[in-house]
Amino acid sequence: MDNITHLVPVTNSQCVIKLDAFQYNYYQQSCIEIHSPDDEYLESIGYEIQTKIQEEQITQLQEQIVLLQSLCEKITQDVELPAQAIAGLGDLLFRVRGIVDRQSR
């Protein structure tokens, strides 16, 4: 691996791994487990960032749902929505379903 820099060249006790853009993107979307050659669990990386990202997504989704609810309560007559608005509502409902499915597991 060419992206590993040893901090102390005399020993192998510490090193720095600098991620490129692709690796960082993967890190943000995944959790990494490190195992020994005998498949013994050694370390986990990424669970904290995954939890933080998921919490931010849920908060954003809750805010969008509240906004949508507020907008719908103000509608007093028949309204024809443009295709882009219908697609946005479909996306919002799809995301809600995904979060509900994940939380019910």
Protein backbone atom coordinates (compact mmCIF):
# COMPACT_ATOMS: atom_id res chain seq x y z
CA MET A 1 0.00 0.00 0.00
CA ASP A 2 1.63 3.23 -1.11
CA ASN A 3 -0.51 5.49 1.08
CA ILE A 4 1.00 4.34 4.40
CA THR A 5 3.63 6.48 6.08
CA HIS A 6 5.49 5.18 9.11
CA LEU A 7 5.74 7.82 11.82
CA VAL A 8 8.64 6.11 13.53
CA PRO A 9 10.88 4.55 10.84
CA VAL A 10 12.79 2.41 13.34
CA THR A 11 9.68 0.54 14.56
CA ASN A 12 6.47 -0.61 12.98
CA SER A 13 4.40 0.45 15.99
CA GLN A 14 2.75 3.49 14.40
CA CYS A 15 1.84 4.53 10.89
CA VAL A 16 -0.36 7.03 9.09
CA ILE A 17 -2.68 6.01 6.27
CA LYS A 18 -3.67 8.88 4.00
CA LEU A 19 -6.79 8.10 2.00
CA ASP A 20 -7.25 9.27 -1.56
CA ALA A 21 -10.65 10.66 -2.61
CA PHE A 22 -12.03 7.24 -3.62
CA GLN A 23 -10.89 5.61 -0.38
CA TYR A 24 -12.32 8.47 1.70
CA ASN A 25 -15.66 8.17 -0.07
CA TYR A 26 -15.66 4.44 0.66
CA TYR A 27 -14.75 5.15 4.30
CA GLN A 28 -17.72 7.53 4.64
CA GLN A 29 -20.12 4.92 3.27
CA SER A 30 -18.75 1.82 4.95
CA CYS A 31 -17.43 0.35 8.14
CA ILE A 32 -14.07 -1.37 8.02
CA GLU A 33 -13.04 -4.29 10.21
CA ILE A 34 -9.44 -5.41 10.54
CA HIS A 35 -8.80 -9.12 11.15
CA SER A 36 -5.64 -11.11 11.72
CA PRO A 37 -4.54 -13.80 9.24
CA ASP A 38 -6.29 -16.28 11.57
CA ASP A 39 -9.52 -14.24 11.18
CA GLU A 40 -9.30 -12.89 14.72
CA TYR A 41 -11.11 -9.55 15.09
CA LEU A 42 -8.62 -6.74 15.76
CA GLU A 43 -10.26 -3.37 15.16
CA SER A 44 -13.26 -1.54 13.66
CA ILE A 45 -13.13 1.77 11.83
CA GLY A 46 -16.00 3.92 10.61
CA TYR A 47 -18.90 3.04 12.89
CA GLU A 48 -18.89 6.49 14.52
CA ILE A 49 -19.01 8.36 11.20
CA GLN A 50 -21.76 6.04 9.95
CA THR A 51 -23.84 6.75 13.07
CA LYS A 52 -23.28 10.50 12.69
CA ILE A 53 -24.21 10.48 8.99
CA GLN A 54 -27.35 8.43 9.68
CA GLU A 55 -28.42 10.79 12.48
CA GLU A 56 -27.92 13.80 10.19
CA GLN A 57 -29.96 12.13 7.44
CA ILE A 58 -32.79 11.33 9.84
CA THR A 59 -32.81 14.92 11.15
CA GLN A 60 -32.88 16.30 7.60
CA LEU A 61 -35.69 13.94 6.67
CA GLN A 62 -37.71 14.91 9.75
CA GLU A 63 -37.33 18.58 8.82
CA GLN A 64 -38.50 17.87 5.26
CA ILE A 65 -41.52 15.96 6.55
CA VAL A 66 -42.49 18.82 8.88
CA LEU A 67 -42.15 21.29 6.00
CA LEU A 68 -44.26 19.08 3.74
CA GLN A 69 -46.91 18.70 6.45
CA SER A 70 -47.01 22.48 6.93
CA LEU A 71 -47.36 23.06 3.19
CA CYS A 72 -50.13 20.48 2.87
CA GLU A 73 -52.10 22.03 5.74
CA LYS A 74 -52.13 25.37 3.90
CA ILE A 75 -53.65 23.91 0.73
CA THR A 76 -57.32 24.88 0.59
CA GLN A 77 -58.19 23.93 -2.97
CA ASP A 78 -57.33 21.35 -5.61
CA VAL A 79 -53.74 21.73 -6.73
CA GLU A 80 -52.01 20.24 -9.72
CA LEU A 81 -48.37 19.50 -8.99
CA PRO A 82 -45.64 19.67 -11.62
CA ALA A 83 -43.74 16.48 -12.45
CA GLN A 84 -40.65 17.66 -10.55
CA ALA A 85 -42.70 18.14 -7.34
CA ILE A 86 -44.24 14.68 -7.68
CA ALA A 87 -40.78 13.16 -8.21
CA GLY A 88 -39.53 15.02 -5.10
CA LEU A 89 -42.42 13.67 -3.04
CA GLY A 90 -41.71 10.17 -4.32
CA ASP A 91 -38.05 10.52 -3.33
CA LEU A 92 -39.01 11.77 0.12
CA LEU A 93 -41.40 8.87 0.69
CA PHE A 94 -38.80 6.39 -0.56
CA ARG A 95 -36.26 7.76 1.93
CA VAL A 96 -38.83 7.59 4.76
CA ARG A 97 -39.53 3.96 3.91
CA GLY A 98 -35.80 3.14 3.91
CA ILE A 99 -35.27 4.68 7.35
CA VAL A 100 -38.36 2.98 8.78
CA ASP A 101 -37.19 -0.36 7.38
CA ARG A 102 -33.70 0.08 8.90
CA GLN A 103 -35.08 1.05 12.29
CA SER A 104 -37.49 -1.88 12.40
CA ARG A 105 -34.69 -4.43 12.01
